[in-house]
Amino acid sequence: MSTRLSQTATARKLLELPGRMARLLAVVAATFTVIAALLLTAEVLSRAFLNQPVRGLFEYMQILVVLIAFLGLAEAERHGDHIRVTLLTERMPLVPRLAARTIAMILSALIVLWMTVMSWIELTKSLNRGEFQAGLLNLPVWPARTIIVIGLAALFLMYVVRTAETAIELKNSFAGRVDADADQDAEGGDK
């Protein structure tokens, strides 16, 4: 029995890992959001008082927007903050709703996995050719592409965890139905 408990504890830790990673990436995204706000404030002040823009702000902001968006994806999924259309599923009974949610999570995970792989391929191409962003400053593109891969990989792991949670909930709802049917049969047998 203690072996089962340790396996369960290990499984729980593995399931918690993407959530911890999502929180860490969200903190990094929040830090980059503060940096972006400070840069924009500096731009406004520089234009107002010095009549001069901050050199390369546009290029920096492009990279910061990518960092902020992709680092926050997994945390948004962890909290269920992504856009959902539940018009049909909210009217379904529990078991079909959980089955539809499980299928949706599997499809979402597969799509995000494909996006992660394709982004990895683009990252390696960018590194191999030494790609730079054209503009006032020639900034390398690989840091933003790396963040895209990291953010998508974290989102994929979050979808895997959410899929497992939903599948377990679906399995438990089937078990609950079997138990309820057995109870009804027992009650019917007594009458």
C-alpha atoms as a PDB file:
ATOM      1  CA  MET A   1       0.000   0.000   0.000  1.00  0.00           C
ATOM      2  CA  SER A   2       2.843   2.433   0.785  1.00  0.00           C
ATOM      3  CA  THR A   3       4.188   1.836  -2.736  1.00  0.00           C
ATOM      4  CA  ARG A   4       0.853   2.961  -4.196  1.00  0.00           C
ATOM      5  CA  LEU A   5       0.907   6.063  -1.998  1.00  0.00           C
ATOM      6  CA  SER A   6       4.423   6.972  -3.134  1.00  0.00           C
ATOM      7  CA  GLN A   7       3.415   6.454  -6.754  1.00  0.00           C
ATOM      8  CA  THR A   8       0.401   8.668  -6.178  1.00  0.00           C
ATOM      9  CA  ALA A   9       2.540  11.324  -4.487  1.00  0.00           C
ATOM     10  CA  THR A  10       5.029  11.157  -7.363  1.00  0.00           C
ATOM     11  CA  ALA A  11       2.203  11.423  -9.868  1.00  0.00           C
ATOM     12  CA  ARG A  12       0.805  14.421  -8.006  1.00  0.00           C
ATOM     13  CA  LYS A  13       4.196  16.132  -8.058  1.00  0.00           C
ATOM     14  CA  LEU A  14       4.494  15.485 -11.779  1.00  0.00           C
ATOM     15  CA  LEU A  15       1.029  16.927 -12.333  1.00  0.00           C
ATOM     16  CA  GLU A  16       1.909  19.991 -10.226  1.00  0.00           C
ATOM     17  CA  LEU A  17       5.142  20.716 -12.125  1.00  0.00           C
ATOM     18  CA  PRO A  18       3.517  22.416 -15.159  1.00  0.00           C
ATOM     19  CA  GLY A  19       1.472  24.603 -12.794  1.00  0.00           C
ATOM     20  CA  ARG A  20       4.612  25.713 -10.985  1.00  0.00           C
ATOM     21  CA  MET A  21       6.319  26.374 -14.283  1.00  0.00           C
ATOM     22  CA  ALA A  22       3.293  28.363 -15.475  1.00  0.00           C
ATOM     23  CA  ARG A  23       3.387  30.518 -12.335  1.00  0.00           C
ATOM     24  CA  LEU A  24       7.116  31.169 -12.761  1.00  0.00           C
ATOM     25  CA  LEU A  25       6.671  32.132 -16.419  1.00  0.00           C
ATOM     26  CA  ALA A  26       3.781  34.417 -15.445  1.00  0.00           C
ATOM     27  CA  VAL A  27       6.027  36.195 -12.927  1.00  0.00           C
ATOM     28  CA  VAL A  28       8.635  36.673 -15.659  1.00  0.00           C
ATOM     29  CA  ALA A  29       5.895  37.965 -18.000  1.00  0.00           C
ATOM     30  CA  ALA A  30       4.734  40.396 -15.309  1.00  0.00           C
ATOM     31  CA  THR A  31       8.313  41.611 -14.907  1.00  0.00           C
ATOM     32  CA  PHE A  32       8.548  42.225 -18.647  1.00  0.00           C
ATOM     33  CA  THR A  33       5.205  44.055 -18.462  1.00  0.00           C
ATOM     34  CA  VAL A  34       6.665  46.424 -15.876  1.00  0.00           C
ATOM     35  CA  ILE A  35       9.744  46.934 -18.074  1.00  0.00           C
ATOM     36  CA  ALA A  36       7.484  47.699 -21.060  1.00  0.00           C
ATOM     37  CA  ALA A  37       5.508  50.210 -18.980  1.00  0.00           C
ATOM     38  CA  LEU A  38       8.725  51.889 -17.830  1.00  0.00           C
ATOM     39  CA  LEU A  39      10.005  52.084 -21.407  1.00  0.00           C
ATOM     40  CA  LEU A  40       6.749  53.622 -22.606  1.00  0.00           C
ATOM     41  CA  THR A  41       6.831  56.105 -19.727  1.00  0.00           C
ATOM     42  CA  ALA A  42      10.408  56.994 -20.628  1.00  0.00           C
ATOM     43  CA  GLU A  43       9.305  57.497 -24.236  1.00  0.00           C
ATOM     44  CA  VAL A  44       6.510  59.866 -23.225  1.00  0.00           C
ATOM     45  CA  LEU A  45       8.766  61.836 -20.862  1.00  0.00           C
ATOM     46  CA  SER A  46      11.583  61.963 -23.396  1.00  0.00           C
ATOM     47  CA  ARG A  47       9.270  63.293 -26.093  1.00  0.00           C
ATOM     48  CA  ALA A  48       7.633  65.784 -23.740  1.00  0.00           C
ATOM     49  CA  PHE A  49      10.747  67.226 -22.112  1.00  0.00           C
ATOM     50  CA  LEU A  50      13.585  66.505 -24.531  1.00  0.00           C
ATOM     51  CA  ASN A  51      11.599  66.446 -27.771  1.00  0.00           C
ATOM     52  CA  GLN A  52      13.453  63.228 -28.527  1.00  0.00           C
ATOM     53  CA  PRO A  53      12.152  59.627 -28.813  1.00  0.00           C
ATOM     54  CA  VAL A  54      13.793  56.675 -27.073  1.00  0.00           C
ATOM     55  CA  ARG A  55      16.034  55.097 -29.698  1.00  0.00           C
ATOM     56  CA  GLY A  56      14.921  51.590 -30.694  1.00  0.00           C
ATOM     57  CA  LEU A  57      11.784  51.608 -28.546  1.00  0.00           C
ATOM     58  CA  PHE A  58       9.687  50.115 -31.342  1.00  0.00           C
ATOM     59  CA  GLU A  59      12.049  47.136 -31.701  1.00  0.00           C
ATOM     60  CA  TYR A  60      12.215  46.584 -27.942  1.00  0.00           C
ATOM     61  CA  MET A  61       8.437  46.780 -27.601  1.00  0.00           C
ATOM     62  CA  GLN A  62       7.918  44.226 -30.379  1.00  0.00           C
ATOM     63  CA  ILE A  63      10.095  41.738 -28.494  1.00  0.00           C
ATOM     64  CA  LEU A  64       8.522  42.574 -25.133  1.00  0.00           C
ATOM     65  CA  VAL A  65       4.999  42.033 -26.455  1.00  0.00           C
ATOM     66  CA  VAL A  66       6.004  38.560 -27.678  1.00  0.00           C
ATOM     67  CA  LEU A  67       7.623  37.766 -24.326  1.00  0.00           C
ATOM     68  CA  ILE A  68       4.619  38.948 -22.334  1.00  0.00           C
ATOM     69  CA  ALA A  69       2.069  37.127 -24.491  1.00  0.00           C
ATOM     70  CA  PHE A  70       3.784  33.761 -24.787  1.00  0.00           C
ATOM     71  CA  LEU A  71       5.058  33.550 -21.216  1.00  0.00           C
ATOM     72  CA  GLY A  72       1.524  34.088 -19.904  1.00  0.00           C
ATOM     73  CA  LEU A  73      -0.216  31.408 -22.002  1.00  0.00           C
ATOM     74  CA  ALA A  74       0.214  28.488 -19.605  1.00  0.00           C
ATOM     75  CA  GLU A  75      -0.881  30.481 -16.560  1.00  0.00           C
ATOM     76  CA  ALA A  76      -3.967  31.682 -18.412  1.00  0.00           C
ATOM     77  CA  GLU A  77      -4.864  28.068 -19.214  1.00  0.00           C
ATOM     78  CA  ARG A  78      -4.181  27.005 -15.627  1.00  0.00           C
ATOM     79  CA  HIS A  79      -6.775  29.524 -14.447  1.00  0.00           C
ATOM     80  CA  GLY A  80      -9.184  28.836 -17.328  1.00  0.00           C
ATOM     81  CA  ASP A  81      -8.843  32.397 -18.629  1.00  0.00           C
ATOM     82  CA  HIS A  82      -8.665  31.547 -22.319  1.00  0.00           C
ATOM     83  CA  ILE A  83     -11.729  32.312 -24.410  1.00  0.00           C
ATOM     84  CA  ARG A  84     -14.244  29.483 -24.293  1.00  0.00           C
ATOM     85  CA  VAL A  85     -17.529  29.006 -26.069  1.00  0.00           C
ATOM     86  CA  THR A  86     -19.723  26.881 -23.808  1.00  0.00           C
ATOM     87  CA  LEU A  87     -23.107  27.526 -25.390  1.00  0.00           C
ATOM     88  CA  LEU A  88     -23.543  23.854 -26.290  1.00  0.00           C
ATOM     89  CA  THR A  89     -21.519  22.088 -23.617  1.00  0.00           C
ATOM     90  CA  GLU A  90     -23.096  23.861 -20.635  1.00  0.00           C
ATOM     91  CA  ARG A  91     -26.460  22.370 -21.636  1.00  0.00           C
ATOM     92  CA  MET A  92     -25.096  18.806 -21.856  1.00  0.00           C
ATOM     93  CA  PRO A  93     -25.413  16.233 -19.100  1.00  0.00           C
ATOM     94  CA  LEU A  94     -22.257  15.665 -17.042  1.00  0.00           C
ATOM     95  CA  VAL A  95     -20.776  12.638 -18.817  1.00  0.00           C
ATOM     96  CA  PRO A  96     -21.119  13.950 -22.402  1.00  0.00           C
ATOM     97  CA  ARG A  97     -19.860  17.360 -21.245  1.00  0.00           C
ATOM     98  CA  LEU A  98     -16.760  15.793 -19.674  1.00  0.00           C
ATOM     99  CA  ALA A  99     -16.222  13.615 -22.748  1.00  0.00           C
ATOM    100  CA  ALA A 100     -16.437  16.665 -25.033  1.00  0.00           C
ATOM    101  CA  ARG A 101     -14.065  18.594 -22.765  1.00  0.00           C
ATOM    102  CA  THR A 102     -11.588  15.689 -22.759  1.00  0.00           C
ATOM    103  CA  ILE A 103     -11.649  15.509 -26.559  1.00  0.00           C
ATOM    104  CA  ALA A 104     -11.235  19.287 -26.792  1.00  0.00           C
ATOM    105  CA  MET A 105      -8.259  19.184 -24.422  1.00  0.00           C
ATOM    106  CA  ILE A 106      -6.618  16.381 -26.414  1.00  0.00           C
ATOM    107  CA  LEU A 107      -7.094  18.297 -29.671  1.00  0.00           C
ATOM    108  CA  SER A 108      -5.821  21.504 -28.093  1.00  0.00           C
ATOM    109  CA  ALA A 109      -2.750  19.704 -26.753  1.00  0.00           C
ATOM    110  CA  LEU A 110      -2.017  18.212 -30.176  1.00  0.00           C
ATOM    111  CA  ILE A 111      -2.381  21.582 -31.913  1.00  0.00           C
ATOM    112  CA  VAL A 112      -0.124  23.304 -29.384  1.00  0.00           C
ATOM    113  CA  LEU A 113       2.401  20.457 -29.660  1.00  0.00           C
ATOM    114  CA  TRP A 114       2.465  20.975 -33.441  1.00  0.00           C
ATOM    115  CA  MET A 115       2.919  24.732 -32.921  1.00  0.00           C
ATOM    116  CA  THR A 116       5.767  24.049 -30.462  1.00  0.00           C
ATOM    117  CA  VAL A 117       7.568  21.754 -32.896  1.00  0.00           C
ATOM    118  CA  MET A 118       7.159  24.211 -35.778  1.00  0.00           C
ATOM    119  CA  SER A 119       8.375  27.069 -33.576  1.00  0.00           C
ATOM    120  CA  TRP A 120      11.389  24.970 -32.564  1.00  0.00           C
ATOM    121  CA  ILE A 121      12.190  24.397 -36.228  1.00  0.00           C
ATOM    122  CA  GLU A 122      11.959  28.147 -36.911  1.00  0.00           C
ATOM    123  CA  LEU A 123      14.155  28.852 -33.876  1.00  0.00           C
ATOM    124  CA  THR A 124      16.885  26.532 -35.140  1.00  0.00           C
ATOM    125  CA  LYS A 125      16.692  28.096 -38.614  1.00  0.00           C
ATOM    126  CA  SER A 126      16.929  31.558 -37.065  1.00  0.00           C
ATOM    127  CA  LEU A 127      19.971  30.555 -35.025  1.00  0.00           C
ATOM    128  CA  ASN A 128      21.674  28.934 -38.023  1.00  0.00           C
ATOM    129  CA  ARG A 129      21.283  31.964 -40.272  1.00  0.00           C
ATOM    130  CA  GLY A 130      21.940  34.548 -37.534  1.00  0.00           C
ATOM    131  CA  GLU A 131      18.612  36.285 -38.089  1.00  0.00           C
ATOM    132  CA  PHE A 132      18.289  39.902 -36.966  1.00  0.00           C
ATOM    133  CA  GLN A 133      15.282  42.208 -36.828  1.00  0.00           C
ATOM    134  CA  ALA A 134      15.582  45.121 -39.236  1.00  0.00           C
ATOM    135  CA  GLY A 135      15.123  48.566 -37.727  1.00  0.00           C
ATOM    136  CA  LEU A 136      17.043  51.273 -35.923  1.00  0.00           C
ATOM    137  CA  LEU A 137      18.679  48.586 -33.823  1.00  0.00           C
ATOM    138  CA  ASN A 138      19.680  45.249 -35.290  1.00  0.00           C
ATOM    139  CA  LEU A 139      18.363  43.015 -32.527  1.00  0.00           C
ATOM    140  CA  PRO A 140      18.697  39.229 -32.802  1.00  0.00           C
ATOM    141  CA  VAL A 141      15.419  37.379 -33.300  1.00  0.00           C
ATOM    142  CA  TRP A 142      16.381  34.177 -31.479  1.00  0.00           C
ATOM    143  CA  PRO A 143      15.502  35.388 -27.937  1.00  0.00           C
ATOM    144  CA  ALA A 144      11.887  36.045 -28.934  1.00  0.00           C
ATOM    145  CA  ARG A 145      11.710  32.771 -30.844  1.00  0.00           C
ATOM    146  CA  THR A 146      13.106  30.950 -27.797  1.00  0.00           C
ATOM    147  CA  ILE A 147      10.427  32.475 -25.585  1.00  0.00           C
ATOM    148  CA  ILE A 148       7.759  31.404 -28.083  1.00  0.00           C
ATOM    149  CA  VAL A 149       8.994  27.803 -27.859  1.00  0.00           C
ATOM    150  CA  ILE A 150       9.159  27.927 -24.052  1.00  0.00           C
ATOM    151  CA  GLY A 151       5.691  29.469 -23.761  1.00  0.00           C
ATOM    152  CA  LEU A 152       4.127  26.970 -26.155  1.00  0.00           C
ATOM    153  CA  ALA A 153       5.868  24.019 -24.465  1.00  0.00           C
ATOM    154  CA  ALA A 154       4.537  25.186 -21.086  1.00  0.00           C
ATOM    155  CA  LEU A 155       1.054  25.538 -22.580  1.00  0.00           C
ATOM    156  CA  PHE A 156       1.314  22.018 -24.030  1.00  0.00           C
ATOM    157  CA  LEU A 157       2.243  20.614 -20.612  1.00  0.00           C
ATOM    158  CA  MET A 158      -0.657  22.500 -19.051  1.00  0.00           C
ATOM    159  CA  TYR A 159      -3.028  20.981 -21.621  1.00  0.00           C
ATOM    160  CA  VAL A 160      -1.639  17.524 -20.811  1.00  0.00           C
ATOM    161  CA  VAL A 161      -2.356  18.089 -17.113  1.00  0.00           C
ATOM    162  CA  ARG A 162      -5.818  19.520 -17.820  1.00  0.00           C
ATOM    163  CA  THR A 163      -6.559  16.561 -20.108  1.00  0.00           C
ATOM    164  CA  ALA A 164      -5.531  14.129 -17.369  1.00  0.00           C
ATOM    165  CA  GLU A 165      -7.665  15.955 -14.794  1.00  0.00           C
ATOM    166  CA  THR A 166     -10.689  15.979 -17.104  1.00  0.00           C
ATOM    167  CA  ALA A 167     -10.214  12.313 -18.048  1.00  0.00           C
ATOM    168  CA  ILE A 168     -10.017  11.364 -14.363  1.00  0.00           C
ATOM    169  CA  GLU A 169     -13.157  13.394 -13.697  1.00  0.00           C
ATOM    170  CA  LEU A 170     -14.851  11.587 -16.605  1.00  0.00           C
ATOM    171  CA  LYS A 171     -13.738   8.200 -15.263  1.00  0.00           C
ATOM    172  CA  ASN A 172     -15.022   9.104 -11.794  1.00  0.00           C
ATOM    173  CA  SER A 173     -18.368  10.213 -13.233  1.00  0.00           C
ATOM    174  CA  PHE A 174     -18.698   6.808 -14.917  1.00  0.00           C
ATOM    175  CA  ALA A 175     -17.811   5.134 -11.606  1.00  0.00           C
ATOM    176  CA  GLY A 176     -20.414   7.308  -9.881  1.00  0.00           C
ATOM    177  CA  ARG A 177     -23.011   6.234 -12.420  1.00  0.00           C
ATOM    178  CA  VAL A 178     -22.173   2.566 -11.898  1.00  0.00           C
ATOM    179  CA  ASP A 179     -22.410   3.033  -8.125  1.00  0.00           C
ATOM    180  CA  ALA A 180     -25.731   4.903  -8.498  1.00  0.00           C
ATOM    181  CA  ASP A 181     -27.088   2.154 -10.767  1.00  0.00           C
ATOM    182  CA  ALA A 182     -26.007  -0.478  -8.235  1.00  0.00           C
ATOM    183  CA  ASP A 183     -27.725   1.474  -5.458  1.00  0.00           C
ATOM    184  CA  GLN A 184     -30.920   1.713  -7.506  1.00  0.00           C
ATOM    185  CA  ASP A 185     -30.784  -2.018  -8.222  1.00  0.00           C
ATOM    186  CA  ALA A 186     -30.312  -2.733  -4.514  1.00  0.00           C
ATOM    187  CA  GLU A 187     -33.213  -0.466  -3.594  1.00  0.00           C
ATOM    188  CA  GLY A 188     -35.380  -2.032  -6.292  1.00  0.00           C
ATOM    189  CA  GLY A 189     -34.490  -5.482  -5.022  1.00  0.00           C
ATOM    190  CA  ASP A 190     -35.672  -4.633  -1.503  1.00  0.00           C
ATOM    191  CA  LYS A 191     -39.111  -3.500  -2.639  1.00  0.00           C
END
